Amino acid sequence: MKTRKLGSSDLEISEISLGSWLTYGVGVEAESARACLEEAFAQGINFIDTANVYGQGAAESFLGEALHGRPRQSYVLATKVYFPMGPNDRGLSRGQIEKQLDASLRRLRTDYVDLYQCHRYDRETPLEETMETLTRAIEQGKTRYIGFSEWPAEQIQAAIDMTGVARFVSSQPQYSLLWREPEKEVIPLCAANGISQIVWSPLGQGVLSGKYDPDQPPPSNSRAASEEMGGWMDRLMQPDVLRAVQKLKPIANEAGLTLPQFALAWVLREPNVASAIIGASRPEQVRENAGASGVIIDTQLFMRAEQIIDEVLGRVEA
């Protein structure tokens, strides 16, 4: 497993990381989740990503229990804050960040996280208040570094321009062959300012695994068929998208990779990407995805794949 430096921090994180959105503590049984976590460590994955809102604390609680007893310096732990945790608990105000960070640390059974991320931008709280509170959290030793997820370029620039506050080291956007929006503004801005991307949904919530047949219902054990995990996939489960993904399989074969490995390698071709977060319900998925780290692929294969996807998504003329 190769590692990459996370922005301007001193953290070296694995190119493939393990996430817990819609899975651990929610859609995946604890025994399977623990097996995935153990396999991740066995594969050299050292970066674990979660959020307070995942399962309303359930994902953090699972990780707190599963990681208990493992040397704290042996893994890099990240969580997030913003989304509602109760009727009056949401956003990035001073009170909310302080309250939610302390609650996350209790569930995770740790004194600190390595990375604390603003899960979205809070337009109801002054940016100065948010940044000052995050800076204080670093000074108090509750987090080592700070990041954000899905912030608009304008707000990222505003945070960069502030003085006397801690600097962001990471951005967590959705990014994959099926969603390339960050390439327009976010990646160039971050690359110029010591901020790395930690990508979520690099496999399009499993669509880029190629397991979904456009002419058949999704497999019963798949994310798309799960009531807990499949509710965000409508845009990706369109028949024309699924047919385009099937056309990528021969290209992946040419590269000597499975389709999930090829899709992850495509994300990692971008130098500003430090890690691609995978979601797994079985250890063999973790093992397969970890095989995408460090591979070298002819850029012509990537270009052919991009053309197939671009045509179906209407980014270029068919």
Protein backbone atom coordinates (compact mmCIF):
# COMPACT_ATOMS: atom_id res chain seq x y z
CA MET A 1 0.00 0.00 0.00
CA LYS A 2 1.45 3.33 -1.10
CA THR A 3 0.97 6.46 1.00
CA ARG A 4 0.69 10.13 0.07
CA LYS A 5 1.27 13.27 2.09
CA LEU A 6 -1.96 14.98 3.16
CA GLY A 7 -1.71 18.59 2.04
CA SER A 8 0.62 20.74 4.12
CA SER A 9 0.32 18.40 7.12
CA ASP A 10 2.86 15.83 8.27
CA LEU A 11 0.33 13.01 7.86
CA GLU A 12 1.12 10.19 5.45
CA ILE A 13 -2.12 8.44 4.57
CA SER A 14 -2.80 5.32 2.52
CA GLU A 15 -3.87 5.82 -1.09
CA ILE A 16 -6.92 3.69 -0.33
CA SER A 17 -8.84 4.49 2.86
CA LEU A 18 -11.83 2.98 4.62
CA GLY A 19 -15.04 4.95 5.07
CA SER A 20 -18.20 4.29 7.07
CA TRP A 21 -20.98 6.25 5.34
CA LEU A 22 -24.20 4.17 5.18
CA THR A 23 -22.28 1.06 6.24
CA TYR A 24 -20.75 0.56 9.68
CA GLY A 25 -23.20 0.90 12.51
CA VAL A 26 -26.03 1.14 9.94
CA GLY A 27 -26.29 -1.15 6.91
CA VAL A 28 -23.53 -3.67 7.66
CA GLU A 29 -23.63 -6.10 10.58
CA ALA A 30 -20.99 -5.55 13.24
CA GLU A 31 -19.18 -8.83 12.61
CA SER A 32 -18.81 -8.09 8.89
CA ALA A 33 -17.83 -4.50 9.60
CA ARG A 34 -15.12 -5.61 12.02
CA ALA A 35 -13.82 -8.10 9.44
CA CYS A 36 -13.58 -5.30 6.87
CA LEU A 37 -11.67 -3.12 9.32
CA GLU A 38 -9.23 -5.92 10.12
CA GLU A 39 -8.70 -6.60 6.42
CA ALA A 40 -8.05 -2.92 5.82
CA PHE A 41 -5.25 -2.91 8.35
CA ALA A 42 -3.90 -6.15 6.91
CA GLN A 43 -3.72 -4.47 3.49
CA GLY A 44 -1.79 -1.49 4.85
CA ILE A 45 -4.72 0.93 4.93
CA ASN A 46 -4.09 3.40 7.75
CA PHE A 47 -6.73 6.08 7.16
CA ILE A 48 -10.23 5.62 8.63
CA ASP A 49 -12.93 8.18 7.82
CA THR A 50 -16.26 8.67 9.56
CA ALA A 51 -18.68 11.42 10.67
CA ASN A 52 -20.87 12.13 13.67
CA VAL A 53 -24.01 11.99 11.52
CA TYR A 54 -23.33 8.51 10.10
CA GLY A 55 -26.01 6.48 11.85
CA GLN A 56 -26.46 9.40 14.28
CA GLY A 57 -23.27 8.42 16.08
CA ALA A 58 -23.50 4.66 15.41
CA ALA A 59 -20.55 4.58 13.01
CA GLU A 60 -18.31 6.43 15.46
CA SER A 61 -19.42 4.16 18.30
CA PHE A 62 -18.64 1.07 16.24
CA LEU A 63 -15.18 2.38 15.38
CA GLY A 64 -14.52 3.37 18.98
CA GLU A 65 -15.18 -0.18 20.07
CA ALA A 66 -13.43 -1.86 17.13
CA LEU A 67 -10.29 0.29 17.38
CA HIS A 68 -10.06 0.00 21.16
CA GLY A 69 -6.73 -1.53 22.15
CA ARG A 70 -5.05 -0.86 18.81
CA PRO A 71 -2.04 1.50 19.12
CA ARG A 72 -3.38 4.99 18.47
CA GLN A 73 -0.37 6.02 16.39
CA SER A 74 -0.92 3.07 14.03
CA TYR A 75 -3.87 4.66 12.22
CA VAL A 76 -5.09 8.08 11.08
CA LEU A 77 -8.63 8.86 12.23
CA ALA A 78 -10.95 11.47 10.73
CA THR A 79 -14.49 12.56 11.52
CA LYS A 80 -16.80 15.43 10.60
CA VAL A 81 -19.31 17.98 11.89
CA TYR A 82 -22.23 19.95 10.41
CA PHE A 83 -25.33 17.85 9.76
CA PRO A 84 -28.14 17.64 12.36
CA MET A 85 -27.53 15.49 15.43
CA GLY A 86 -30.74 16.63 17.10
CA PRO A 87 -33.53 19.21 16.70
CA ASN A 88 -31.22 22.10 17.64
CA ASP A 89 -27.82 20.55 16.92
CA ARG A 90 -26.40 21.38 13.51
CA GLY A 91 -23.98 23.70 11.79
CA LEU A 92 -20.51 25.10 12.42
CA SER A 93 -21.06 27.60 15.22
CA ARG A 94 -18.64 27.76 18.14
CA GLY A 95 -21.07 25.98 20.43
CA GLN A 96 -21.86 23.24 17.95
CA ILE A 97 -18.26 22.48 16.99
CA GLU A 98 -17.20 22.28 20.62
CA LYS A 99 -20.20 20.14 21.61
CA GLN A 100 -20.04 17.79 18.65
CA LEU A 101 -16.27 17.31 18.75
CA ASP A 102 -16.40 16.32 22.41
CA ALA A 103 -19.26 13.90 21.66
CA SER A 104 -17.34 12.39 18.74
CA LEU A 105 -14.25 11.87 20.88
CA ARG A 106 -16.32 10.08 23.51
CA ARG A 107 -17.88 7.74 20.94
CA LEU A 108 -14.52 7.12 19.27
CA ARG A 109 -12.89 6.49 22.68
CA THR A 110 -9.94 8.72 21.90
CA ASP A 111 -8.45 11.96 23.17
CA TYR A 112 -8.01 13.38 19.67
CA VAL A 113 -8.73 12.86 15.99
CA ASP A 114 -6.08 13.41 13.37
CA LEU A 115 -8.43 15.27 11.05
CA TYR A 116 -11.63 17.16 11.88
CA GLN A 117 -13.68 18.14 8.85
CA CYS A 118 -16.51 20.58 8.21
CA HIS A 119 -19.04 18.29 6.52
CA ARG A 120 -20.56 21.16 4.49
CA TYR A 121 -20.33 24.96 4.49
CA ASP A 122 -22.51 26.73 7.06
CA ARG A 123 -23.98 29.90 5.57
CA GLU A 124 -25.68 30.79 8.87
CA THR A 125 -22.44 31.07 10.84
CA PRO A 126 -19.70 33.64 10.18
CA LEU A 127 -16.66 31.95 8.68
CA GLU A 128 -14.46 33.73 11.22
CA GLU A 129 -16.31 32.04 14.09
CA THR A 130 -15.94 28.62 12.50
CA MET A 131 -12.23 29.01 11.76
CA GLU A 132 -11.42 30.45 15.18
CA THR A 133 -13.20 27.55 16.88
CA LEU A 134 -11.40 24.97 14.73
CA THR A 135 -8.10 26.69 15.51
CA ARG A 136 -8.86 26.45 19.23
CA ALA A 137 -9.63 22.74 18.84
CA ILE A 138 -6.13 22.23 17.42
CA GLU A 139 -4.59 24.30 20.22
CA GLN A 140 -6.47 22.17 22.78
CA GLY A 141 -5.10 18.99 21.22
CA LYS A 142 -8.52 17.64 20.24
CA THR A 143 -7.61 17.47 16.55
CA ARG A 144 -4.27 17.63 14.79
CA TYR A 145 -5.52 19.09 11.51
CA ILE A 146 -8.69 20.41 9.89
CA GLY A 147 -10.43 19.91 6.57
CA PHE A 148 -13.74 20.42 4.79
CA SER A 149 -16.11 18.50 2.54
CA GLU A 150 -17.96 19.85 -0.49
CA TRP A 151 -17.21 23.53 0.10
CA PRO A 152 -17.66 25.91 -2.87
CA ALA A 153 -14.46 27.42 -4.26
CA GLU A 154 -15.46 30.91 -3.08
CA GLN A 155 -15.67 29.78 0.56
CA ILE A 156 -12.45 27.78 0.30
CA GLN A 157 -10.68 30.91 -0.94
CA ALA A 158 -12.18 32.99 1.88
CA ALA A 159 -10.77 30.56 4.46
CA ILE A 160 -7.37 30.58 2.73
CA ASP A 161 -7.32 34.38 2.84
CA MET A 162 -7.96 34.55 6.60
CA THR A 163 -5.03 35.32 8.88
CA GLY A 164 -4.36 34.17 12.41
CA VAL A 165 -6.24 30.88 12.03
CA ALA A 166 -5.31 27.28 11.29
CA ARG A 167 -5.01 26.20 7.67
CA PHE A 168 -7.10 23.53 6.03
CA VAL A 169 -5.07 20.53 4.82
CA SER A 170 -7.82 18.47 3.18
CA SER A 171 -10.90 18.65 0.99
CA GLN A 172 -13.36 15.75 0.74
CA PRO A 173 -15.33 15.94 -2.51
CA GLN A 174 -17.28 13.39 -4.47
CA TYR A 175 -15.01 12.48 -7.38
CA SER A 176 -15.04 9.61 -9.85
CA LEU A 177 -15.24 8.78 -13.54
CA LEU A 178 -18.96 9.46 -13.12
CA TRP A 179 -18.56 12.80 -11.30
CA ARG A 180 -15.70 15.12 -12.30
CA GLU A 181 -17.04 18.44 -11.01
CA PRO A 182 -14.08 19.10 -8.63
CA GLU A 183 -11.72 19.37 -11.61
CA LYS A 184 -13.20 22.74 -12.59
CA GLU A 185 -12.31 24.86 -9.56
CA VAL A 186 -11.78 22.94 -6.34
CA ILE A 187 -8.80 20.78 -7.30
CA PRO A 188 -6.77 23.61 -8.91
CA LEU A 189 -7.46 25.94 -5.98
CA CYS A 190 -6.56 23.33 -3.40
CA ALA A 191 -3.44 22.16 -5.25
CA ALA A 192 -2.13 25.74 -5.19
CA ASN A 193 -2.70 26.08 -1.44
CA GLY A 194 -1.43 22.91 0.24
CA ILE A 195 -4.83 21.18 0.43
CA SER A 196 -5.21 17.55 -0.70
CA GLN A 197 -8.33 15.75 -1.83
CA ILE A 198 -9.68 12.78 0.11
CA VAL A 199 -12.24 11.47 -2.35
CA TRP A 200 -15.60 9.99 -1.41
CA SER A 201 -17.62 7.72 -3.69
CA PRO A 202 -14.69 7.02 -6.09
CA LEU A 203 -16.63 3.95 -7.30
CA GLY A 204 -19.90 5.83 -7.76
CA GLN A 205 -21.38 4.04 -4.72
CA GLY A 206 -20.44 0.72 -6.29
CA VAL A 207 -21.76 1.42 -9.80
CA LEU A 208 -18.19 1.47 -11.15
CA SER A 209 -17.68 -2.04 -9.84
CA GLY A 210 -19.64 -3.15 -12.91
CA LYS A 211 -21.84 -5.47 -10.88
CA TYR A 212 -25.11 -3.85 -11.96
CA ASP A 213 -26.67 -5.27 -15.12
CA PRO A 214 -28.77 -2.60 -16.91
CA ASP A 215 -31.33 -5.25 -17.87
CA GLN A 216 -31.64 -6.93 -14.47
CA PRO A 217 -32.66 -5.84 -10.96
CA PRO A 218 -29.71 -5.20 -8.64
CA PRO A 219 -28.31 -8.22 -6.77
CA SER A 220 -30.11 -8.79 -3.48
CA ASN A 221 -26.91 -8.38 -1.47
CA SER A 222 -25.84 -5.14 -3.17
CA ARG A 223 -25.95 -1.56 -1.93
CA ALA A 224 -28.53 -0.59 -4.56
CA ALA A 225 -30.92 -3.22 -3.21
CA SER A 226 -30.47 -2.13 0.40
CA GLU A 227 -33.11 0.09 1.98
CA GLU A 228 -30.50 1.57 4.34
CA MET A 229 -27.74 2.12 1.77
CA GLY A 230 -29.33 2.46 -1.68
CA GLY A 231 -31.34 5.66 -1.39
CA TRP A 232 -28.71 7.94 -2.95
CA MET A 233 -28.10 5.99 -6.15
CA ASP A 234 -30.98 6.90 -8.48
CA ARG A 235 -28.90 9.14 -10.77
CA LEU A 236 -26.21 6.50 -11.13
CA MET A 237 -28.53 3.54 -11.68
CA GLN A 238 -29.87 4.78 -15.04
CA PRO A 239 -29.67 2.07 -17.75
CA ASP A 240 -27.54 4.17 -20.11
CA VAL A 241 -25.01 4.83 -17.34
CA LEU A 242 -24.90 1.14 -16.42
CA ARG A 243 -24.36 0.17 -20.07
CA ALA A 244 -21.50 2.64 -20.37
CA VAL A 245 -19.89 1.18 -17.26
CA GLN A 246 -20.08 -2.31 -18.77
CA LYS A 247 -18.04 -0.99 -21.73
CA LEU A 248 -15.21 -0.14 -19.32
CA LYS A 249 -14.58 -3.78 -18.39
CA PRO A 250 -12.45 -4.62 -21.48
CA ILE A 251 -10.36 -1.51 -20.85
CA ALA A 252 -9.75 -2.55 -17.24
CA ASN A 253 -8.77 -6.00 -18.50
CA GLU A 254 -6.20 -4.42 -20.84
CA ALA A 255 -4.73 -2.70 -17.80
CA GLY A 256 -4.56 -6.02 -15.97
CA LEU A 257 -7.02 -4.83 -13.33
CA THR A 258 -10.55 -5.47 -12.19
CA LEU A 259 -12.99 -2.67 -12.99
CA PRO A 260 -13.10 -1.38 -9.36
CA GLN A 261 -9.29 -1.28 -9.31
CA PHE A 262 -9.22 0.57 -12.62
CA ALA A 263 -11.78 3.15 -11.42
CA LEU A 264 -9.81 3.74 -8.23
CA ALA A 265 -6.55 4.03 -10.18
CA TRP A 266 -8.23 6.65 -12.38
CA VAL A 267 -8.99 8.76 -9.29
CA LEU A 268 -5.43 8.29 -7.98
CA ARG A 269 -3.95 9.46 -11.30
CA GLU A 270 -4.70 13.00 -10.04
CA PRO A 271 -1.68 14.19 -7.99
CA ASN A 272 -3.84 16.34 -5.72
CA VAL A 273 -5.76 13.25 -4.54
CA ALA A 274 -4.18 11.88 -1.36
CA SER A 275 -6.61 9.02 -0.85
CA ALA A 276 -9.75 7.38 -2.24
CA ILE A 277 -12.29 6.34 0.39
CA ILE A 278 -13.89 2.97 -0.18
CA GLY A 279 -17.02 1.62 1.46
CA ALA A 280 -17.01 -2.14 1.93
CA SER A 281 -19.39 -4.71 3.36
CA ARG A 282 -17.11 -7.71 2.82
CA PRO A 283 -13.36 -8.19 3.45
CA GLU A 284 -12.75 -9.40 -0.10
CA GLN A 285 -13.94 -6.01 -1.38
CA VAL A 286 -11.33 -4.30 0.78
CA ARG A 287 -8.65 -6.68 -0.50
CA GLU A 288 -9.56 -6.11 -4.14
CA ASN A 289 -9.78 -2.32 -3.82
CA ALA A 290 -6.44 -2.13 -2.01
CA GLY A 291 -4.89 -3.60 -5.16
CA ALA A 292 -5.44 -0.27 -6.94
CA SER A 293 -2.66 1.40 -4.95
CA GLY A 294 0.58 2.02 -6.76
CA VAL A 295 -0.43 0.67 -10.16
CA ILE A 296 0.92 2.30 -13.33
CA ILE A 297 -1.50 2.51 -16.25
CA ASP A 298 -1.18 3.78 -19.81
CA THR A 299 -2.93 7.16 -19.90
CA GLN A 300 -4.51 6.18 -23.23
CA LEU A 301 -6.63 3.61 -21.38
CA PHE A 302 -7.87 6.29 -19.01
CA MET A 303 -8.68 8.57 -21.95
CA ARG A 304 -10.72 5.84 -23.64
CA ALA A 305 -12.67 5.27 -20.44
CA GLU A 306 -13.30 8.99 -20.02
CA GLN A 307 -14.66 9.25 -23.56
CA ILE A 308 -17.14 6.42 -22.99
CA ILE A 309 -18.46 8.00 -19.80
CA ASP A 310 -18.40 11.56 -21.15
CA GLU A 311 -20.54 10.58 -24.09
CA VAL A 312 -23.29 9.02 -22.00
CA LEU A 313 -23.29 11.86 -19.47
CA GLY A 314 -23.45 14.48 -22.23
CA ARG A 315 -20.20 16.28 -21.45
CA VAL A 316 -19.03 15.88 -25.04
CA GLU A 317 -20.89 15.30 -28.29
CA ALA A 318 -21.56 11.63 -28.91
